[in-house]
Amino acid sequence: MFNSNKRLVILDADGTTIDAYNAIDKAFSLHGMALGDQERFQRRRHLFKYLGGLKEFPANLKKQIGKQKRKQLISTLTAVYREEAQLYTGIAAMIQTLIDAPDIVVGMVTKNITNEPEETLRQLFRRHDIDIDALDFLVHIPLSQDKTTYFQAARVEHDINPARAYMCGDEYKDYLAALGSGMHPFMVSYGFEDLTRLTTKFNVPEEIISRTPAELSKRVLHALDLVRAE
């Protein structure tokens, strides 16, 4: 049925490998806006995630009226990502270990909202000594699109048995996309959605959720029989 014995790992960018909250918070502050604390940020619906919560929304909305102002905010966010944003501690080592493993197909499917997101991620990862061109694929999709078909396409293209395919993500939609494409989800609760939201609101099994980047690295590398990256 499958000619390849390789395994597949699909990584999410923002909130899973990249500390997106602090990058977005910095961009907002440079435009005189408040994002709100991370705990509330993780529990918001998507509309309020990027405009602040109910407390911050009115003041932020006044500053974001008009396409030009929104373009300026995205431009600032792009610069922050390229020059200052950080990968979570230990994530670079995990990714490099995956890249170096000859029997692992590793790629990224992302909805990053910066300008020229592929180049943005290339510069961000380069600052952490990771060459994203060494990934087997990097796919950027619009915020409105579902990841399921892209996960399936990557698995089919590389002839990967679904039982040997994994996805790392931080949002409920990542979880659904992984299940919908027959993959095992490694979920995290330090990104865009917290543990309570994932488990209580969306019934994501707590057993598959990593609370920290270090825990994610341990889980992934253990599952793939790889020495833990330090």
N, C-alpha and C. Protein backbone atom coordinates (compact mmCIF):
# COMPACT_ATOMS: atom_id res chain seq x y z
N MET A 1 0.83 -1.21 0.00
CA MET A 1 0.00 0.00 0.00
C MET A 1 0.86 1.25 0.00
N PHE A 2 1.91 1.25 0.83
CA PHE A 2 2.82 2.39 0.90
C PHE A 2 4.23 1.91 0.58
N ASN A 3 4.88 2.60 -0.35
CA ASN A 3 6.24 2.23 -0.73
C ASN A 3 7.29 2.87 0.17
N SER A 4 6.89 3.93 0.88
CA SER A 4 7.83 4.63 1.75
C SER A 4 7.67 4.20 3.20
N ASN A 5 8.78 4.04 3.89
CA ASN A 5 8.76 3.76 5.32
C ASN A 5 9.06 5.00 6.15
N LYS A 6 9.10 6.14 5.50
CA LYS A 6 9.41 7.38 6.20
C LYS A 6 8.25 7.83 7.07
N ARG A 7 8.55 8.71 8.01
CA ARG A 7 7.54 9.32 8.85
C ARG A 7 7.44 10.81 8.52
N LEU A 8 6.29 11.39 8.80
CA LEU A 8 6.01 12.78 8.44
C LEU A 8 5.71 13.59 9.69
N VAL A 9 6.32 14.77 9.80
CA VAL A 9 6.01 15.72 10.86
C VAL A 9 5.68 17.06 10.22
N ILE A 10 4.48 17.56 10.47
CA ILE A 10 4.09 18.89 9.99
C ILE A 10 4.05 19.83 11.19
N LEU A 11 4.77 20.93 11.06
CA LEU A 11 4.87 21.92 12.13
C LEU A 11 3.99 23.12 11.84
N ASP A 12 3.39 23.67 12.86
CA ASP A 12 2.73 24.97 12.79
C ASP A 12 3.77 26.03 13.17
N ALA A 13 3.58 27.25 12.71
CA ALA A 13 4.55 28.32 13.01
C ALA A 13 4.13 29.10 14.25
N ASP A 14 3.16 29.99 14.10
CA ASP A 14 2.80 30.92 15.17
C ASP A 14 2.13 30.21 16.34
N GLY A 15 2.71 30.36 17.53
CA GLY A 15 2.13 29.80 18.74
C GLY A 15 2.58 28.39 19.04
N THR A 16 3.24 27.73 18.09
CA THR A 16 3.75 26.38 18.31
C THR A 16 5.26 26.37 18.30
N THR A 17 5.84 26.93 17.25
CA THR A 17 7.30 27.05 17.18
C THR A 17 7.76 28.48 17.45
N ILE A 18 6.94 29.46 17.07
CA ILE A 18 7.28 30.88 17.22
C ILE A 18 6.48 31.50 18.35
N ASP A 19 7.14 32.29 19.18
CA ASP A 19 6.47 33.03 20.26
C ASP A 19 5.72 34.19 19.64
N ALA A 20 4.56 33.90 19.08
CA ALA A 20 3.79 34.90 18.34
C ALA A 20 3.19 35.97 19.24
N TYR A 21 2.77 35.58 20.44
CA TYR A 21 2.12 36.55 21.33
C TYR A 21 3.02 37.76 21.57
N ASN A 22 4.28 37.52 21.95
CA ASN A 22 5.17 38.64 22.26
C ASN A 22 5.49 39.46 21.02
N ALA A 23 5.54 38.83 19.87
CA ALA A 23 5.78 39.57 18.63
C ALA A 23 4.59 40.48 18.29
N ILE A 24 3.39 39.93 18.41
CA ILE A 24 2.19 40.72 18.13
C ILE A 24 2.03 41.84 19.16
N ASP A 25 2.30 41.53 20.42
CA ASP A 25 2.22 42.53 21.48
C ASP A 25 3.17 43.69 21.21
N LYS A 26 4.39 43.37 20.75
CA LYS A 26 5.37 44.42 20.45
C LYS A 26 4.87 45.28 19.29
N ALA A 27 4.34 44.69 18.24
CA ALA A 27 3.83 45.44 17.10
C ALA A 27 2.66 46.34 17.51
N PHE A 28 1.76 45.81 18.33
CA PHE A 28 0.64 46.62 18.80
C PHE A 28 1.13 47.82 19.59
N SER A 29 2.07 47.59 20.49
CA SER A 29 2.55 48.67 21.35
C SER A 29 3.23 49.77 20.55
N LEU A 30 3.89 49.40 19.46
CA LEU A 30 4.53 50.40 18.60
C LEU A 30 3.52 51.28 17.89
N HIS A 31 2.26 50.83 17.84
CA HIS A 31 1.19 51.62 17.24
C HIS A 31 0.25 52.19 18.31
N GLY A 32 0.71 52.17 19.56
CA GLY A 32 -0.08 52.75 20.64
C GLY A 32 -1.29 51.95 21.02
N MET A 33 -1.25 50.64 20.74
CA MET A 33 -2.39 49.78 21.06
C MET A 33 -2.00 48.76 22.11
N ALA A 34 -3.02 48.24 22.80
CA ALA A 34 -2.79 47.23 23.84
C ALA A 34 -3.39 45.91 23.40
N LEU A 35 -2.61 44.85 23.49
CA LEU A 35 -3.09 43.52 23.12
C LEU A 35 -3.78 42.84 24.29
N GLY A 36 -3.42 43.22 25.50
CA GLY A 36 -3.94 42.56 26.69
C GLY A 36 -3.01 41.44 27.13
N ASP A 37 -3.20 40.93 28.32
CA ASP A 37 -2.28 39.91 28.83
C ASP A 37 -2.49 38.59 28.09
N GLN A 38 -1.48 37.72 28.17
CA GLN A 38 -1.48 36.50 27.39
C GLN A 38 -2.59 35.55 27.79
N GLU A 39 -2.91 35.50 29.07
CA GLU A 39 -3.96 34.59 29.52
C GLU A 39 -5.29 34.91 28.86
N ARG A 40 -5.64 36.20 28.80
CA ARG A 40 -6.90 36.58 28.15
C ARG A 40 -6.80 36.42 26.64
N PHE A 41 -5.62 36.70 26.09
CA PHE A 41 -5.38 36.55 24.66
C PHE A 41 -5.68 35.12 24.21
N GLN A 42 -5.26 34.14 25.00
CA GLN A 42 -5.45 32.74 24.63
C GLN A 42 -6.91 32.32 24.65
N ARG A 43 -7.74 33.05 25.37
CA ARG A 43 -9.13 32.64 25.53
C ARG A 43 -10.09 33.41 24.62
N ARG A 44 -9.57 34.31 23.83
CA ARG A 44 -10.44 35.11 22.96
C ARG A 44 -10.79 34.39 21.68
N ARG A 45 -11.91 34.84 21.10
CA ARG A 45 -12.25 34.41 19.76
C ARG A 45 -11.35 35.19 18.79
N HIS A 46 -11.31 34.72 17.55
CA HIS A 46 -10.34 35.27 16.60
C HIS A 46 -10.49 36.77 16.36
N LEU A 47 -11.70 37.28 16.32
CA LEU A 47 -11.89 38.72 16.09
C LEU A 47 -11.15 39.53 17.13
N PHE A 48 -11.25 39.10 18.39
CA PHE A 48 -10.66 39.87 19.47
C PHE A 48 -9.18 39.56 19.70
N LYS A 49 -8.69 38.46 19.16
CA LYS A 49 -7.28 38.14 19.37
C LYS A 49 -6.40 39.25 18.83
N TYR A 50 -6.73 39.75 17.66
CA TYR A 50 -5.86 40.72 17.00
C TYR A 50 -6.27 42.17 17.21
N LEU A 51 -7.43 42.37 17.84
CA LEU A 51 -7.85 43.73 18.13
C LEU A 51 -7.89 43.99 19.63
N GLY A 52 -7.42 43.03 20.42
CA GLY A 52 -7.50 43.15 21.86
C GLY A 52 -8.84 42.61 22.33
N GLY A 53 -8.99 42.43 23.62
CA GLY A 53 -10.24 41.94 24.15
C GLY A 53 -11.27 43.04 24.29
N LEU A 54 -12.36 42.74 24.97
CA LEU A 54 -13.42 43.74 25.14
C LEU A 54 -12.90 45.00 25.81
N LYS A 55 -11.94 44.84 26.69
CA LYS A 55 -11.38 45.98 27.41
C LYS A 55 -10.59 46.88 26.47
N GLU A 56 -9.81 46.28 25.56
CA GLU A 56 -8.93 47.06 24.68
C GLU A 56 -9.56 47.40 23.34
N PHE A 57 -10.64 46.70 22.97
CA PHE A 57 -11.20 46.80 21.63
C PHE A 57 -11.55 48.22 21.18
N PRO A 58 -12.31 49.02 21.95
CA PRO A 58 -12.70 50.34 21.46
C PRO A 58 -11.52 51.24 21.08
N ALA A 59 -10.51 51.30 21.95
CA ALA A 59 -9.36 52.16 21.65
C ALA A 59 -8.57 51.62 20.47
N ASN A 60 -8.40 50.32 20.39
CA ASN A 60 -7.67 49.74 19.28
C ASN A 60 -8.40 49.94 17.96
N LEU A 61 -9.73 49.80 17.99
CA LEU A 61 -10.51 49.93 16.77
C LEU A 61 -10.37 51.33 16.18
N LYS A 62 -10.36 52.34 17.05
CA LYS A 62 -10.20 53.72 16.57
C LYS A 62 -8.88 53.89 15.81
N LYS A 63 -7.85 53.19 16.27
CA LYS A 63 -6.54 53.31 15.64
C LYS A 63 -6.42 52.47 14.38
N GLN A 64 -7.36 51.52 14.18
CA GLN A 64 -7.25 50.61 13.05
C GLN A 64 -8.26 50.86 11.94
N ILE A 65 -9.00 51.96 12.03
CA ILE A 65 -9.94 52.29 10.98
C ILE A 65 -9.17 52.69 9.73
N GLY A 66 -9.50 52.09 8.61
CA GLY A 66 -8.84 52.41 7.35
C GLY A 66 -7.79 51.38 6.96
N LYS A 67 -7.74 51.08 5.65
CA LYS A 67 -6.81 50.07 5.15
C LYS A 67 -5.36 50.47 5.35
N GLN A 68 -5.07 51.77 5.23
CA GLN A 68 -3.68 52.22 5.34
C GLN A 68 -3.11 51.93 6.72
N LYS A 69 -3.91 52.17 7.76
CA LYS A 69 -3.43 51.90 9.11
C LYS A 69 -3.21 50.41 9.34
N ARG A 70 -4.10 49.60 8.77
CA ARG A 70 -3.92 48.16 8.91
C ARG A 70 -2.65 47.70 8.18
N LYS A 71 -2.39 48.30 7.03
CA LYS A 71 -1.17 47.97 6.30
C LYS A 71 0.06 48.35 7.09
N GLN A 72 -0.02 49.49 7.78
CA GLN A 72 1.11 49.93 8.59
C GLN A 72 1.36 48.96 9.74
N LEU A 73 0.28 48.46 10.35
CA LEU A 73 0.42 47.51 11.44
C LEU A 73 1.06 46.21 10.96
N ILE A 74 0.61 45.70 9.81
CA ILE A 74 1.18 44.48 9.26
C ILE A 74 2.64 44.69 8.90
N SER A 75 2.97 45.87 8.39
CA SER A 75 4.37 46.18 8.06
C SER A 75 5.24 46.16 9.31
N THR A 76 4.71 46.73 10.39
CA THR A 76 5.44 46.72 11.66
C THR A 76 5.59 45.31 12.18
N LEU A 77 4.52 44.54 12.12
CA LEU A 77 4.57 43.15 12.58
C LEU A 77 5.61 42.36 11.77
N THR A 78 5.67 42.62 10.48
CA THR A 78 6.65 41.94 9.63
C THR A 78 8.07 42.24 10.09
N ALA A 79 8.33 43.51 10.36
CA ALA A 79 9.66 43.91 10.82
C ALA A 79 10.00 43.27 12.17
N VAL A 80 9.02 43.22 13.07
CA VAL A 80 9.26 42.61 14.38
C VAL A 80 9.58 41.13 14.21
N TYR A 81 8.83 40.45 13.38
CA TYR A 81 9.09 39.03 13.14
C TYR A 81 10.48 38.82 12.57
N ARG A 82 10.84 39.61 11.60
CA ARG A 82 12.12 39.39 10.91
C ARG A 82 13.32 39.76 11.76
N GLU A 83 13.16 40.72 12.64
CA GLU A 83 14.31 41.25 13.37
C GLU A 83 14.35 40.86 14.85
N GLU A 84 13.19 40.56 15.46
CA GLU A 84 13.17 40.37 16.91
C GLU A 84 12.47 39.11 17.40
N ALA A 85 11.47 38.63 16.68
CA ALA A 85 10.66 37.50 17.17
C ALA A 85 11.53 36.28 17.43
N GLN A 86 11.10 35.48 18.40
CA GLN A 86 11.90 34.35 18.84
C GLN A 86 11.17 33.02 18.67
N LEU A 87 11.93 31.97 18.38
CA LEU A 87 11.41 30.63 18.53
C LEU A 87 11.36 30.31 20.02
N TYR A 88 10.43 29.50 20.42
CA TYR A 88 10.39 29.08 21.81
C TYR A 88 11.68 28.31 22.15
N THR A 89 12.08 28.41 23.38
CA THR A 89 13.32 27.77 23.84
C THR A 89 13.31 26.28 23.53
N GLY A 90 14.37 25.82 22.88
CA GLY A 90 14.53 24.41 22.58
C GLY A 90 13.90 23.96 21.27
N ILE A 91 13.06 24.79 20.68
CA ILE A 91 12.37 24.40 19.45
C ILE A 91 13.33 24.31 18.26
N ALA A 92 14.30 25.22 18.19
CA ALA A 92 15.27 25.19 17.09
C ALA A 92 16.02 23.86 17.08
N ALA A 93 16.43 23.40 18.26
CA ALA A 93 17.15 22.13 18.36
C ALA A 93 16.28 20.96 17.92
N MET A 94 15.01 21.00 18.29
CA MET A 94 14.09 19.94 17.87
C MET A 94 13.95 19.91 16.35
N ILE A 95 13.74 21.10 15.77
CA ILE A 95 13.56 21.17 14.31
C ILE A 95 14.81 20.68 13.59
N GLN A 96 15.98 21.10 14.06
CA GLN A 96 17.21 20.67 13.40
C GLN A 96 17.37 19.16 13.50
N THR A 97 17.00 18.58 14.62
CA THR A 97 17.06 17.13 14.77
C THR A 97 16.14 16.44 13.76
N LEU A 98 14.95 16.98 13.56
CA LEU A 98 14.02 16.43 12.58
C LEU A 98 14.58 16.56 11.17
N ILE A 99 15.15 17.72 10.86
CA ILE A 99 15.73 17.94 9.53
C ILE A 99 16.86 16.95 9.26
N ASP A 100 17.66 16.70 10.28
CA ASP A 100 18.84 15.84 10.11
C ASP A 100 18.49 14.36 10.03
N ALA A 101 17.30 13.98 10.48
CA ALA A 101 16.92 12.56 10.48
C ALA A 101 16.59 12.12 9.06
N PRO A 102 17.29 11.14 8.50
CA PRO A 102 17.10 10.75 7.11
C PRO A 102 15.75 10.12 6.80
N ASP A 103 15.10 9.57 7.82
CA ASP A 103 13.82 8.90 7.58
C ASP A 103 12.62 9.75 7.99
N ILE A 104 12.84 11.05 8.20
CA ILE A 104 11.76 11.96 8.59
C ILE A 104 11.53 12.98 7.49
N VAL A 105 10.29 13.10 7.04
CA VAL A 105 9.86 14.19 6.17
C VAL A 105 9.28 15.27 7.08
N VAL A 106 9.87 16.46 7.06
CA VAL A 106 9.41 17.52 7.96
C VAL A 106 9.12 18.79 7.17
N GLY A 107 7.96 19.37 7.44
CA GLY A 107 7.58 20.59 6.75
C GLY A 107 6.72 21.47 7.63
N MET A 108 6.28 22.58 7.07
CA MET A 108 5.50 23.55 7.83
C MET A 108 4.31 24.03 7.00
N VAL A 109 3.15 24.07 7.64
CA VAL A 109 1.95 24.66 7.06
C VAL A 109 1.55 25.80 7.98
N THR A 110 1.49 27.02 7.45
CA THR A 110 1.32 28.20 8.30
C THR A 110 0.32 29.19 7.73
N LYS A 111 -0.31 29.94 8.64
CA LYS A 111 -1.19 31.04 8.27
C LYS A 111 -0.60 32.37 8.72
N ASN A 112 0.71 32.43 8.83
CA ASN A 112 1.40 33.65 9.27
C ASN A 112 0.90 34.87 8.50
N ILE A 113 0.64 35.97 9.20
CA ILE A 113 -0.05 37.12 8.59
C ILE A 113 0.89 38.27 8.24
N THR A 114 2.17 38.04 8.21
CA THR A 114 3.10 39.11 7.84
C THR A 114 3.18 39.26 6.32
N ASN A 115 3.84 40.32 5.85
CA ASN A 115 4.08 40.48 4.43
C ASN A 115 5.12 39.46 3.96
N GLU A 116 4.92 38.91 2.77
CA GLU A 116 5.83 37.90 2.22
C GLU A 116 6.22 36.91 3.31
N PRO A 117 5.25 36.17 3.83
CA PRO A 117 5.48 35.33 5.01
C PRO A 117 6.61 34.32 4.86
N GLU A 118 6.80 33.76 3.66
CA GLU A 118 7.90 32.80 3.49
C GLU A 118 9.24 33.46 3.77
N GLU A 119 9.42 34.67 3.27
CA GLU A 119 10.68 35.39 3.51
C GLU A 119 10.78 35.81 4.98
N THR A 120 9.66 36.21 5.56
CA THR A 120 9.66 36.55 6.99
C THR A 120 10.13 35.37 7.83
N LEU A 121 9.58 34.20 7.58
CA LEU A 121 9.97 33.02 8.34
C LEU A 121 11.41 32.62 8.05
N ARG A 122 11.84 32.81 6.81
CA ARG A 122 13.23 32.49 6.47
C ARG A 122 14.20 33.32 7.31
N GLN A 123 13.90 34.62 7.44
CA GLN A 123 14.78 35.49 8.22
C GLN A 123 14.70 35.17 9.72
N LEU A 124 13.50 34.89 10.21
CA LEU A 124 13.34 34.59 11.63
C LEU A 124 14.10 33.31 11.99
N PHE A 125 13.90 32.26 11.21
CA PHE A 125 14.54 30.99 11.51
C PHE A 125 16.05 31.07 11.31
N ARG A 126 16.49 31.87 10.35
CA ARG A 126 17.93 32.02 10.12
C ARG A 126 18.61 32.59 11.35
N ARG A 127 17.94 33.48 12.09
CA ARG A 127 18.52 34.03 13.32
C ARG A 127 18.69 32.97 14.40
N HIS A 128 18.00 31.83 14.22
CA HIS A 128 18.12 30.72 15.16
C HIS A 128 18.92 29.57 14.54
N ASP A 129 19.67 29.89 13.48
CA ASP A 129 20.54 28.92 12.80
C ASP A 129 19.77 27.76 12.19
N ILE A 130 18.54 28.02 11.77
CA ILE A 130 17.74 27.03 11.06
C ILE A 130 17.50 27.51 9.63
N ASP A 131 17.85 26.68 8.67
CA ASP A 131 17.63 26.99 7.26
C ASP A 131 16.29 26.39 6.86
N ILE A 132 15.27 27.22 6.68
CA ILE A 132 13.95 26.65 6.37
C ILE A 132 13.92 26.05 4.97
N ASP A 133 14.89 26.40 4.14
CA ASP A 133 14.96 25.76 2.82
C ASP A 133 15.34 24.29 2.96
N ALA A 134 15.83 23.89 4.13
CA ALA A 134 16.16 22.49 4.38
C ALA A 134 14.92 21.68 4.74
N LEU A 135 13.79 22.37 5.02
CA LEU A 135 12.54 21.66 5.22
C LEU A 135 12.12 21.00 3.91
N ASP A 136 11.34 19.95 4.01
CA ASP A 136 10.86 19.29 2.80
C ASP A 136 9.76 20.08 2.12
N PHE A 137 9.09 20.94 2.87
CA PHE A 137 8.08 21.83 2.27
C PHE A 137 7.74 22.94 3.26
N LEU A 138 7.30 24.06 2.71
CA LEU A 138 6.78 25.18 3.50
C LEU A 138 5.59 25.72 2.73
N VAL A 139 4.41 25.63 3.33
CA VAL A 139 3.18 26.04 2.66
C VAL A 139 2.51 27.14 3.46
N HIS A 140 2.26 28.27 2.80
CA HIS A 140 1.52 29.35 3.45
C HIS A 140 0.11 29.39 2.87
N ILE A 141 -0.90 29.44 3.75
CA ILE A 141 -2.28 29.47 3.30
C ILE A 141 -3.01 30.65 3.95
N PRO A 142 -4.07 31.15 3.32
CA PRO A 142 -4.85 32.25 3.88
C PRO A 142 -5.51 31.86 5.20
N LEU A 143 -5.78 32.85 6.04
CA LEU A 143 -6.41 32.60 7.33
C LEU A 143 -7.75 31.89 7.19
N SER A 144 -8.46 32.15 6.10
CA SER A 144 -9.81 31.60 5.93
C SER A 144 -9.81 30.14 5.52
N GLN A 145 -8.68 29.60 5.11
CA GLN A 145 -8.66 28.24 4.59
C GLN A 145 -8.37 27.21 5.68
N ASP A 146 -8.93 26.03 5.49
CA ASP A 146 -8.72 24.92 6.41
C ASP A 146 -7.43 24.19 6.04
N LYS A 147 -6.73 23.68 7.05
CA LYS A 147 -5.44 23.03 6.80
C LYS A 147 -5.56 21.56 6.37
N THR A 148 -6.74 20.99 6.53
CA THR A 148 -6.89 19.55 6.30
C THR A 148 -6.40 19.10 4.93
N THR A 149 -6.84 19.79 3.89
CA THR A 149 -6.46 19.37 2.54
C THR A 149 -4.96 19.51 2.31
N TYR A 150 -4.32 20.47 2.98
CA TYR A 150 -2.88 20.66 2.82
C TYR A 150 -2.11 19.57 3.57
N PHE A 151 -2.62 19.17 4.72
CA PHE A 151 -2.02 18.04 5.45
C PHE A 151 -2.13 16.77 4.60
N GLN A 152 -3.31 16.54 4.04
CA GLN A 152 -3.52 15.36 3.22
C GLN A 152 -2.61 15.37 2.00
N ALA A 153 -2.49 16.54 1.37
CA ALA A 153 -1.66 16.65 0.16
C ALA A 153 -0.20 16.34 0.45
N ALA A 154 0.30 16.83 1.59
CA ALA A 154 1.69 16.56 1.96
C ALA A 154 1.90 15.08 2.22
N ARG A 155 0.95 14.47 2.90
CA ARG A 155 1.07 13.04 3.21
C ARG A 155 1.04 12.19 1.94
N VAL A 156 0.12 12.52 1.03
CA VAL A 156 0.01 11.78 -0.22
C VAL A 156 1.22 11.98 -1.10
N GLU A 157 1.68 13.23 -1.20
CA GLU A 157 2.83 13.54 -2.05
C GLU A 157 4.07 12.74 -1.65
N HIS A 158 4.25 12.56 -0.35
CA HIS A 158 5.43 11.86 0.15
C HIS A 158 5.16 10.39 0.47
N ASP A 159 3.95 9.92 0.10
CA ASP A 159 3.61 8.51 0.23
C ASP A 159 3.77 8.02 1.67
N ILE A 160 3.20 8.78 2.61
CA ILE A 160 3.35 8.48 4.03
C ILE A 160 2.11 7.75 4.55
N ASN A 161 2.33 6.66 5.24
CA ASN A 161 1.26 5.96 5.95
C ASN A 161 0.67 6.91 7.01
N PRO A 162 -0.66 7.11 7.05
CA PRO A 162 -1.25 8.00 8.07
C PRO A 162 -0.81 7.65 9.48
N ALA A 163 -0.57 6.37 9.75
CA ALA A 163 -0.16 5.95 11.09
C ALA A 163 1.25 6.41 11.43
N ARG A 164 1.99 6.89 10.42
CA ARG A 164 3.35 7.38 10.62
C ARG A 164 3.43 8.89 10.38
N ALA A 165 2.29 9.56 10.50
CA ALA A 165 2.22 10.99 10.23
C ALA A 165 1.79 11.75 11.48
N TYR A 166 2.44 12.90 11.72
CA TYR A 166 2.22 13.68 12.94
C TYR A 166 2.09 15.17 12.60
N MET A 167 1.37 15.88 13.44
CA MET A 167 1.20 17.32 13.30
C MET A 167 1.38 17.98 14.65
N CYS A 168 2.09 19.11 14.68
CA CYS A 168 2.26 19.89 15.91
C CYS A 168 1.52 21.22 15.76
N GLY A 169 0.55 21.48 16.65
CA GLY A 169 -0.22 22.71 16.54
C GLY A 169 -0.71 23.21 17.88
N ASP A 170 -1.28 24.42 17.87
CA ASP A 170 -1.70 25.05 19.12
C ASP A 170 -3.16 25.45 19.16
N GLU A 171 -3.91 25.23 18.09
CA GLU A 171 -5.30 25.63 18.04
C GLU A 171 -6.20 24.44 17.73
N TYR A 172 -7.45 24.54 18.18
CA TYR A 172 -8.41 23.46 17.96
C TYR A 172 -8.53 23.10 16.47
N LYS A 173 -8.47 24.11 15.60
CA LYS A 173 -8.57 23.83 14.17
C LYS A 173 -7.40 22.99 13.68
N ASP A 174 -6.23 23.16 14.30
CA ASP A 174 -5.10 22.29 13.96
C ASP A 174 -5.41 20.84 14.33
N TYR A 175 -6.00 20.68 15.49
CA TYR A 175 -6.38 19.35 15.98
C TYR A 175 -7.36 18.67 15.03
N LEU A 176 -8.40 19.40 14.62
CA LEU A 176 -9.39 18.85 13.70
C LEU A 176 -8.76 18.51 12.36
N ALA A 177 -7.87 19.38 11.87
CA ALA A 177 -7.22 19.13 10.58
C ALA A 177 -6.35 17.89 10.63
N ALA A 178 -5.67 17.68 11.75
CA ALA A 178 -4.84 16.49 11.90
C ALA A 178 -5.71 15.24 11.88
N LEU A 179 -6.79 15.23 12.67
CA LEU A 179 -7.67 14.07 12.69
C LEU A 179 -8.31 13.85 11.32
N GLY A 180 -8.69 14.94 10.67
CA GLY A 180 -9.34 14.84 9.38
C GLY A 180 -8.44 14.30 8.28
N SER A 181 -7.14 14.40 8.48
CA SER A 181 -6.20 13.90 7.49
C SER A 181 -5.54 12.60 7.94
N GLY A 182 -6.04 12.02 9.04
CA GLY A 182 -5.55 10.73 9.51
C GLY A 182 -4.23 10.79 10.24
N MET A 183 -3.87 11.96 10.77
CA MET A 183 -2.58 12.14 11.42
C MET A 183 -2.73 12.19 12.94
N HIS A 184 -1.63 11.90 13.65
CA HIS A 184 -1.63 12.04 15.10
C HIS A 184 -1.29 13.48 15.48
N PRO A 185 -2.11 14.14 16.30
CA PRO A 185 -1.83 15.53 16.70
C PRO A 185 -1.00 15.62 17.98
N PHE A 186 0.06 16.41 17.91
CA PHE A 186 0.77 16.85 19.11
C PHE A 186 0.30 18.28 19.38
N MET A 187 -0.49 18.49 20.41
CA MET A 187 -1.03 19.81 20.69
C MET A 187 -0.24 20.49 21.81
N VAL A 188 -0.25 21.84 21.80
CA VAL A 188 0.41 22.60 22.85
C VAL A 188 -0.58 23.62 23.42
N SER A 189 -0.37 23.98 24.70
CA SER A 189 -1.28 24.93 25.36
C SER A 189 -0.58 26.23 25.73
N TYR A 190 0.60 26.48 25.18
CA TYR A 190 1.32 27.72 25.47
C TYR A 190 1.21 28.73 24.33
N GLY A 191 0.42 28.40 23.30
CA GLY A 191 0.31 29.26 22.12
C GLY A 191 -0.93 30.11 22.11
N PHE A 192 -1.76 29.95 21.05
CA PHE A 192 -2.92 30.81 20.88
C PHE A 192 -4.14 30.36 21.68
N GLU A 193 -4.15 29.11 22.16
CA GLU A 193 -5.26 28.63 22.97
C GLU A 193 -4.70 27.90 24.19
N ASP A 194 -5.28 28.19 25.36
CA ASP A 194 -4.73 27.61 26.58
C ASP A 194 -5.34 26.23 26.87
N LEU A 195 -4.85 25.61 27.94
CA LEU A 195 -5.25 24.25 28.27
C LEU A 195 -6.74 24.15 28.54
N THR A 196 -7.28 25.11 29.29
CA THR A 196 -8.71 25.08 29.62
C THR A 196 -9.57 25.18 28.37
N ARG A 197 -9.20 26.10 27.48
CA ARG A 197 -9.98 26.28 26.25
C ARG A 197 -9.92 25.01 25.39
N LEU A 198 -8.75 24.42 25.26
CA LEU A 198 -8.61 23.24 24.43
C LEU A 198 -9.37 22.04 25.00
N THR A 199 -9.25 21.83 26.31
CA THR A 199 -9.85 20.63 26.90
C THR A 199 -11.32 20.81 27.24
N THR A 200 -11.69 21.94 27.81
CA THR A 200 -13.06 22.14 28.28
C THR A 200 -14.01 22.56 27.16
N LYS A 201 -13.58 23.51 26.35
CA LYS A 201 -14.45 24.00 25.28
C LYS A 201 -14.47 23.07 24.07
N PHE A 202 -13.29 22.50 23.75
CA PHE A 202 -13.18 21.72 22.52
C PHE A 202 -12.93 20.23 22.72
N ASN A 203 -12.82 19.81 23.97
CA ASN A 203 -12.68 18.38 24.28
C ASN A 203 -11.44 17.74 23.65
N VAL A 204 -10.36 18.50 23.53
CA VAL A 204 -9.09 17.93 23.09
C VAL A 204 -8.53 17.11 24.26
N PRO A 205 -8.14 15.86 24.04
CA PRO A 205 -7.62 15.04 25.15
C PRO A 205 -6.39 15.68 25.80
N GLU A 206 -6.45 15.82 27.11
CA GLU A 206 -5.35 16.45 27.82
C GLU A 206 -4.05 15.68 27.65
N GLU A 207 -4.15 14.37 27.41
CA GLU A 207 -2.97 13.52 27.30
C GLU A 207 -2.09 13.86 26.10
N ILE A 208 -2.64 14.53 25.09
CA ILE A 208 -1.83 14.84 23.91
C ILE A 208 -1.36 16.29 23.89
N ILE A 209 -1.61 17.02 24.99
CA ILE A 209 -1.28 18.44 25.04
C ILE A 209 0.00 18.67 25.84
N SER A 210 0.96 19.36 25.22
CA SER A 210 2.20 19.75 25.92
C SER A 210 2.01 21.13 26.51
N ARG A 211 2.42 21.29 27.77
CA ARG A 211 2.27 22.59 28.44
C ARG A 211 3.42 23.54 28.13
N THR A 212 4.56 23.00 27.73
CA THR A 212 5.74 23.82 27.48
C THR A 212 6.42 23.36 26.19
N PRO A 213 7.25 24.23 25.59
CA PRO A 213 8.02 23.81 24.41
C PRO A 213 8.93 22.63 24.71
N ALA A 214 9.51 22.59 25.91
CA ALA A 214 10.38 21.47 26.28
C ALA A 214 9.61 20.16 26.28
N GLU A 215 8.38 20.20 26.77
CA GLU A 215 7.56 18.98 26.80
C GLU A 215 7.21 18.55 25.38
N LEU A 216 6.92 19.50 24.50
CA LEU A 216 6.63 19.17 23.11
C LEU A 216 7.82 18.46 22.48
N SER A 217 9.01 19.02 22.67
CA SER A 217 10.22 18.42 22.10
C SER A 217 10.40 16.99 22.59
N LYS A 218 10.21 16.77 23.89
CA LYS A 218 10.35 15.43 24.45
C LYS A 218 9.36 14.47 23.81
N ARG A 219 8.11 14.90 23.71
CA ARG A 219 7.07 14.04 23.16
C ARG A 219 7.38 13.66 21.71
N VAL A 220 7.70 14.67 20.90
CA VAL A 220 7.93 14.45 19.47
C VAL A 220 9.13 13.54 19.26
N LEU A 221 10.25 13.86 19.88
CA LEU A 221 11.46 13.10 19.65
C LEU A 221 11.38 11.69 20.24
N HIS A 222 10.65 11.54 21.34
CA HIS A 222 10.43 10.21 21.90
C HIS A 222 9.59 9.36 20.95
N ALA A 223 8.53 9.95 20.41
CA ALA A 223 7.65 9.22 19.50
C ALA A 223 8.39 8.77 18.24
N LEU A 224 9.37 9.56 17.82
CA LEU A 224 10.11 9.27 16.59
C LEU A 224 11.41 8.51 16.84
N ASP A 225 11.63 8.10 18.09
CA ASP A 225 12.84 7.36 18.45
C ASP A 225 14.11 8.14 18.13
N LEU A 226 14.07 9.43 18.41
CA LEU A 226 15.22 10.30 18.18
C LEU A 226 15.78 10.77 19.52
N VAL A 227 17.08 10.96 19.56
CA VAL A 227 17.71 11.49 20.77
C VAL A 227 17.19 12.89 20.98
N ARG A 228 16.83 13.21 22.21
CA ARG A 228 16.31 14.54 22.51
C ARG A 228 17.35 15.61 22.21
N ALA A 229 16.90 16.66 21.47
CA ALA A 229 17.78 17.81 21.21
C ALA A 229 17.93 18.64 22.46
N GLU A 230 19.16 19.02 22.76
CA GLU A 230 19.41 19.83 23.95
C GLU A 230 19.63 21.27 23.56
